[in-house]
Protein backbone atom coordinates (compact mmCIF):
# COMPACT_ATOMS: atom_id res chain seq x y z
CA MET A 1 89.34 160.03 50.23
CA LYS A 2 86.19 158.65 51.80
CA ILE A 3 85.36 155.14 50.63
CA LEU A 4 82.18 153.12 51.10
CA VAL A 5 82.01 149.36 50.53
CA ILE A 6 78.56 147.77 50.32
CA LYS A 7 78.23 144.12 51.36
CA LEU A 8 74.92 143.18 52.94
CA ALA A 9 74.72 139.36 52.96
CA ALA A 10 74.85 136.35 53.02
CA LEU A 11 77.54 134.70 55.15
CA GLY A 12 79.32 132.81 52.36
CA ASP A 13 79.31 135.91 50.17
CA VAL A 14 80.44 138.11 53.06
CA VAL A 15 83.37 135.76 53.72
CA GLN A 16 84.46 135.80 50.09
CA ALA A 17 84.13 139.60 49.95
CA PHE A 18 87.05 139.88 52.37
CA ALA A 19 89.41 139.08 49.47
CA ALA A 20 88.18 142.12 47.55
CA LEU A 21 88.07 144.22 50.71
CA ALA A 22 91.74 143.44 51.38
CA ARG A 23 92.59 144.71 47.90
CA ILE A 24 90.51 147.86 48.42
CA ARG A 25 92.38 148.57 51.65
CA ALA A 26 95.72 147.98 49.86
CA VAL A 27 94.94 150.64 47.24
CA HIS A 28 93.41 153.03 49.78
CA PRO A 29 95.89 152.65 52.67
CA GLY A 30 95.36 156.07 54.21
CA ASP A 31 91.74 156.59 53.29
CA GLU A 32 88.69 156.16 55.50
CA ILE A 33 86.81 153.01 54.57
CA THR A 34 83.24 152.49 55.76
CA VAL A 35 81.43 149.17 55.26
CA LEU A 36 77.66 149.22 54.83
CA THR A 37 76.26 145.87 55.90
CA THR A 38 73.54 144.31 58.10
CA PRO A 39 73.68 143.62 61.86
CA LEU A 40 74.44 139.90 61.52
CA TYR A 41 77.82 140.56 59.87
CA ALA A 42 78.86 143.76 61.61
CA GLU A 43 81.25 142.12 64.07
CA LEU A 44 83.20 140.34 61.31
CA PHE A 45 83.83 143.65 59.57
CA ARG A 46 84.61 145.48 62.83
CA LEU A 47 87.27 142.93 63.73
CA SER A 48 88.92 143.21 60.32
CA PRO A 49 91.82 145.55 59.51
CA TYR A 50 90.00 146.71 56.40
CA ALA A 51 87.16 148.82 57.80
CA ASP A 52 87.45 152.05 59.77
CA ARG A 53 83.72 152.29 60.33
CA VAL A 54 80.82 149.83 60.01
CA GLU A 55 77.20 150.83 59.43
CA THR A 56 74.49 148.23 59.77
CA ASP A 57 71.37 149.71 58.18
CA GLY A 58 72.10 148.45 54.67
CA ARG A 59 68.68 146.81 54.40
CA PRO A 60 66.31 149.38 55.88
CA LYS A 61 62.70 148.41 56.48
CA GLY A 62 60.10 150.97 55.58
CA MET A 63 60.16 154.30 53.80
CA ALA A 64 61.35 156.33 56.80
CA ALA A 65 64.39 154.12 57.41
CA THR A 66 65.21 154.06 53.70
CA ALA A 67 64.99 157.84 53.49
CA ALA A 68 67.27 158.15 56.53
CA LEU A 69 69.88 155.87 54.94
CA LEU A 70 69.85 157.72 51.64
CA LEU A 71 70.09 161.08 53.38
CA ARG A 72 73.12 159.88 55.33
CA LEU A 73 74.76 158.55 52.16
CA ARG A 74 74.25 161.90 50.45
CA ARG A 75 75.64 163.87 53.39
CA ALA A 76 78.63 161.55 53.95
CA GLY A 77 80.47 162.92 50.94
CA TYR A 78 81.93 159.63 49.77
CA ASP A 79 84.45 159.92 46.96
CA ARG A 80 83.99 156.34 45.78
CA ILE A 81 81.60 153.47 46.48
CA TYR A 82 82.49 149.85 45.80
CA ASP A 83 79.23 147.92 45.55
CA LEU A 84 80.24 144.31 46.25
CA GLN A 85 76.62 143.29 46.76
CA THR A 86 75.68 144.20 43.16
CA SER A 87 72.00 143.55 43.78
CA SER A 88 68.94 145.46 42.65
CA ARG A 89 68.76 146.99 46.14
CA SER A 90 72.34 148.22 46.24
CA SER A 91 72.15 149.45 42.64
CA ALA A 92 69.02 151.42 43.59
CA TYR A 93 71.09 153.32 46.15
CA HIS A 94 73.22 154.62 43.28
CA TRP A 95 70.10 155.69 41.41
CA ALA A 96 68.85 157.54 44.49
CA LEU A 97 72.14 159.47 44.74
CA LEU A 98 71.96 160.80 41.20
CA PRO A 99 72.74 163.33 39.81
CA ARG A 100 75.52 163.79 42.39
CA ALA A 101 76.44 160.15 42.90
CA PRO A 102 80.10 159.53 43.80
CA ASP A 103 82.37 157.33 41.70
CA TRP A 104 80.64 153.95 41.71
CA SER A 105 82.02 150.47 41.06
CA GLY A 106 79.22 148.01 40.45
CA ILE A 107 76.47 147.17 37.99
CA ALA A 108 74.14 150.11 38.58
CA PRO A 109 73.01 151.93 35.42
CA LEU A 110 75.07 155.09 34.84
CA ALA A 111 77.78 153.93 37.29
CA SER A 112 81.08 155.69 36.66
CA HIS A 113 83.02 152.40 36.81
CA PRO A 114 80.59 149.69 35.70
CA HIS A 115 81.55 146.05 35.82
CA ALA A 116 80.71 145.59 32.17
CA ASN A 117 81.99 142.04 31.63
CA PRO A 118 79.07 140.21 29.95
CA ARG A 119 80.26 136.96 31.54
CA ARG A 120 80.29 138.26 35.09
CA ASN A 121 77.42 135.97 36.11
CA PHE A 122 79.40 132.94 34.92
CA MET A 123 82.45 133.69 37.05
CA HIS A 124 83.26 132.40 40.52
CA THR A 125 82.56 135.05 43.14
CA LEU A 126 86.27 135.61 43.82
CA GLU A 127 87.22 136.04 40.17
CA ARG A 128 84.12 138.15 39.54
CA GLN A 129 84.95 140.59 42.30
CA ALA A 130 88.61 140.73 41.25
CA ASP A 131 87.41 141.52 37.74
CA GLN A 132 85.09 144.21 39.10
CA LEU A 133 88.08 145.87 40.78
CA LYS A 134 90.02 145.56 37.53
CA PHE A 135 87.23 147.45 35.71
CA ALA A 136 87.35 150.00 38.54
CA GLY A 137 91.04 150.60 37.76
CA VAL A 138 92.40 149.48 41.13
CA TRP A 139 93.59 145.97 40.25
CA PRO A 140 95.14 146.11 36.74
CA ASP A 141 96.59 142.59 36.91
CA ALA A 142 93.64 141.02 38.73
CA PRO A 143 93.69 137.20 38.54
CA ILE A 144 90.43 136.38 36.78
CA ALA A 145 91.07 132.97 35.18
CA PRO A 146 89.02 130.24 36.87
CA GLY A 147 90.55 129.22 40.18
CA THR A 148 93.23 131.92 40.26
CA ALA A 149 91.82 134.63 42.53
CA PRO A 150 93.24 134.44 46.06
CA PRO A 151 90.96 133.12 48.79
CA PRO A 152 89.89 135.40 51.62
CA ASP A 153 92.34 135.57 54.50
CA LEU A 154 90.62 135.53 57.89
CA GLY A 155 93.81 135.22 59.89
CA PHE A 156 93.01 138.47 61.66
CA LEU A 157 90.19 136.71 63.52
CA SER A 158 92.47 134.19 65.22
CA ALA A 159 95.62 136.35 65.56
CA ASP A 160 94.57 137.83 68.91
CA ALA A 161 91.45 135.84 69.68
CA ALA A 162 89.77 136.45 73.00
CA PRO A 163 89.67 133.47 75.41
CA GLU A 164 85.92 133.09 74.91
CA ARG A 165 86.59 132.24 71.27
CA SER A 166 89.21 129.58 71.96
CA PRO A 167 88.62 125.87 71.32
CA ALA A 168 89.18 125.17 75.03
CA HIS A 169 86.30 127.49 75.88
CA PHE A 170 84.03 125.18 73.89
CA GLY A 171 85.49 122.00 75.37
CA LEU A 172 87.55 121.16 72.29
CA HIS A 173 91.07 119.79 72.37
CA LYS A 174 93.27 118.98 69.41
CA PRO A 175 92.82 117.16 67.18
CA TYR A 176 89.18 117.89 66.47
CA ALA A 177 86.83 117.87 63.47
CA LEU A 178 83.88 120.18 62.81
CA LEU A 179 80.68 119.01 61.11
CA VAL A 180 78.25 121.41 59.40
CA PRO A 181 75.08 119.37 58.78
CA GLY A 182 72.75 122.32 58.15
CA ALA A 183 71.91 124.59 55.23
CA SER A 184 69.02 126.86 54.33
CA ALA A 185 65.85 125.30 55.75
CA HIS A 186 63.96 126.11 52.55
CA ARG A 187 66.54 124.22 50.44
CA PRO A 188 66.59 120.69 51.86
CA GLY A 189 68.37 119.44 48.73
CA LYS A 190 71.53 121.12 49.99
CA ARG A 191 71.69 118.84 53.04
CA TRP A 192 73.57 115.55 53.08
CA PRO A 193 71.42 113.06 55.05
CA VAL A 194 71.96 113.64 58.75
CA GLU A 195 72.31 109.90 59.35
CA ARG A 196 75.44 109.94 57.17
CA TYR A 197 76.86 112.70 59.32
CA GLY A 198 76.21 110.49 62.34
CA GLU A 199 78.06 107.61 60.72
CA LEU A 200 80.89 109.92 59.74
CA ALA A 201 81.11 111.19 63.32
CA GLN A 202 81.52 107.60 64.50
CA ILE A 203 84.33 106.99 62.00
CA LEU A 204 86.15 110.20 62.91
CA ALA A 205 85.88 109.41 66.62
CA SER A 206 87.30 105.94 66.01
CA ARG A 207 90.31 107.63 64.40
CA GLY A 208 91.00 109.67 67.51
CA LEU A 209 89.36 112.92 66.44
CA GLN A 210 87.07 114.82 68.78
CA VAL A 211 83.94 115.74 66.82
CA ALA A 212 81.92 118.93 67.22
CA ILE A 213 78.71 119.88 65.41
CA VAL A 214 78.30 123.55 64.49
CA GLY A 215 75.42 125.53 63.06
CA GLY A 216 72.66 127.93 63.95
CA PRO A 217 70.27 127.56 66.88
CA GLY A 218 67.59 126.23 64.54
CA GLU A 219 69.80 123.24 63.69
CA ALA A 220 69.95 121.70 67.15
CA GLU A 221 67.67 118.90 65.94
CA LEU A 222 70.30 117.89 63.39
CA SER A 223 72.89 117.77 66.14
CA GLN A 224 70.64 115.58 68.26
CA ALA A 225 70.26 113.13 65.38
CA ILE A 226 74.03 112.93 64.93
CA ARG A 227 74.63 112.51 68.65
CA ALA A 228 72.10 109.68 68.72
CA LEU A 229 74.62 107.74 66.63
CA SER A 230 77.77 109.30 68.07
CA PRO A 231 76.99 110.43 71.64
CA GLU A 232 80.52 111.72 72.31
CA ALA A 233 80.13 114.44 69.66
CA VAL A 234 79.99 117.96 71.10
CA ASP A 235 76.89 120.01 70.29
CA LEU A 236 77.90 123.60 69.48
CA THR A 237 74.83 124.55 67.45
CA GLY A 238 73.74 128.06 68.36
CA LYS A 239 76.77 128.55 70.62
CA THR A 240 79.38 130.06 68.30
CA GLU A 241 79.16 133.52 66.79
CA PHE A 242 80.96 133.91 63.47
CA ALA A 243 84.27 135.17 64.87
CA ALA A 244 84.48 132.24 67.31
CA LEU A 245 83.64 129.81 64.53
CA ALA A 246 86.53 131.20 62.48
CA VAL A 247 88.92 130.66 65.40
CA LEU A 248 87.70 127.07 65.73
CA GLY A 249 88.22 126.59 61.99
CA ALA A 250 91.76 127.96 62.13
CA LYS A 251 92.74 125.31 64.66
CA ALA A 252 90.66 122.37 63.38
CA ALA A 253 92.16 119.22 61.91
CA LEU A 254 89.18 118.88 59.60
CA ALA A 255 85.79 120.31 58.64
CA VAL A 256 83.05 118.58 56.65
CA GLY A 257 79.91 120.44 55.69
CA ASN A 258 77.21 121.24 53.20
CA ASP A 259 77.31 124.21 50.84
CA THR A 260 76.39 126.80 53.44
CA GLY A 261 77.90 129.92 55.00
CA PRO A 262 79.70 128.28 57.95
CA SER A 263 81.54 125.95 55.55
CA HIS A 264 82.83 129.02 53.69
CA LEU A 265 83.90 130.56 56.99
CA LEU A 266 85.72 127.44 58.20
CA ALA A 267 87.53 126.95 54.88
CA ALA A 268 88.64 130.57 54.72
CA ALA A 269 89.82 130.40 58.32
CA GLY A 270 92.18 127.57 57.39
CA ALA A 271 90.39 124.33 58.22
CA PRO A 272 91.04 121.47 55.75
CA THR A 273 87.48 121.32 54.47
CA ALA A 274 85.32 118.91 52.50
CA VAL A 275 82.25 120.67 51.07
CA LEU A 276 79.27 118.72 49.76
CA PHE A 277 77.29 120.08 46.81
CA SER A 278 74.05 118.96 45.19
CA CYS A 279 72.64 120.26 41.92
CA ASP A 280 71.11 123.15 43.88
CA SER A 281 74.26 125.22 43.41
CA ASP A 282 77.29 125.29 41.14
CA PRO A 283 80.69 124.98 42.84
CA ALA A 284 82.32 126.55 39.77
CA LEU A 285 80.55 129.78 40.77
CA CYS A 286 80.55 129.69 44.54
CA ALA A 287 82.65 126.91 46.09
CA PRO A 288 84.53 127.83 49.27
CA ARG A 289 88.26 128.35 48.94
CA GLY A 290 90.93 128.11 51.55
CA ARG A 291 94.16 126.38 52.44
CA ARG A 292 92.89 122.89 51.51
CA VAL A 293 89.38 122.36 50.16
CA GLU A 294 87.85 119.24 48.62
CA VAL A 295 84.59 119.73 46.70
CA LEU A 296 82.30 116.73 46.25
CA GLN A 297 79.14 116.98 44.18
CA SER A 298 76.24 114.68 43.48
CA GLU A 299 73.01 115.46 41.66
CA ARG A 300 71.22 114.45 44.85
CA LEU A 301 73.14 114.53 48.10
CA ALA A 302 71.24 111.43 49.18
CA ASP A 303 73.25 109.62 46.51
CA LEU A 304 76.63 110.82 47.80
CA SER A 305 78.12 107.82 49.55
CA LEU A 306 79.82 107.82 52.92
CA GLU A 307 82.76 106.08 51.24
CA LYS A 308 83.38 109.02 48.89
CA VAL A 309 83.25 111.50 51.74
CA CYS A 310 85.62 109.36 53.80
CA ALA A 311 88.04 109.20 50.87
CA ALA A 312 88.07 113.01 50.73
CA VAL A 313 88.59 113.11 54.49
CA ASP A 314 91.56 110.75 54.14
CA ARG A 315 93.15 112.99 51.52
CA LEU A 316 92.68 116.08 53.66
CA LEU A 317 94.08 114.46 56.79
CA ALA A 318 97.05 113.01 54.89
CA ALA A 319 98.08 116.30 53.28
CA PRO A 320 100.94 118.16 54.99
C-alpha cells in the first residue's frame, strides 16, 4: 500500500503527531509512507523511522503551486491518506481529489473514514488523534480517556546524534537546564515575564546547574534580558535547529518554558519539563507530555510567582 500522512504545522502539533505516526507505521510495517508537511519540519520527519519519503509543499502559495500539488497527489496513487492536520486546507485536498479520492481518515466531508466523534474538539491532541485512528480502524483499543494516550517518543533523534547536535558542541556540560522564554510574538499573554526567567536563571545557577536559553532568532532580545540578570547563562537563541534541540532536551536535567513549540519538543525528548500556561490556551487540550512534565497555569502569567515555579522545579529535580 501507499500511505500519505498530512501534518503541516505547527511545532507543538508536529511533535505530538509523532505518537500517531508511530502507530501508523506499526500497522503499515511494509508499506511506503510519505509525509506531506512544510519545509520547517521536514528534517524532523526525515530523521524519523516512520517516513519513507517527505514532501514539503503542503502549503502551496498561488494557484500554479496548488495545482501542481493536487496533480501530484492524484498521480501518486495513494491507497490511504491520514490527515492529521484536519484543517480546512487539508480537508480541501480531499475535496479536490473527488470523485477518485483514496481512503481518507480525517474530518473532510465525504471522507471514507471520518473522525465523527462530536467531542473531538474537546479532547487533548494525543487522545484526539488516537481516537481518529480508532475510527479509521487501525487502533481498535486506542487509549482515549483523558491523559491515557502515550506521549510522542523522540528517542530516534538522540540515538545516533551527530556531533554537531551534542550538548558539548553548544558548550553545555551536565547538569544543565534549558529555559524557553519565548512564544508567539502576537500572543504576549503566553510569555512569563522575562525578568522572572532571569531570576530563575540565577537560582538554578546557584544550585550548580548550567543554564542555557533556547528559542528562535527573533528571541535574542529575551535572552539578553535574562543574561543581564544572570550573565553566565548561555545564549542559544537561533542556534539550535529542532533535531539539535531534541538532543539537548534528552540530556537536560531540567527545562522550564512557556506554552510554545520548543517546550513540547523538549518534553517529548525526555527533559523533566515545567510548562507555564496562561488563559490563552487550555492545557487539558494541548499540554506537552513526556517523561516528567509539570503544568502550571495562571489566568495571567504575570501573576504566576517565582516561588510556584521554583516549587515545580524542586519536584522535577527530586524525582528519580
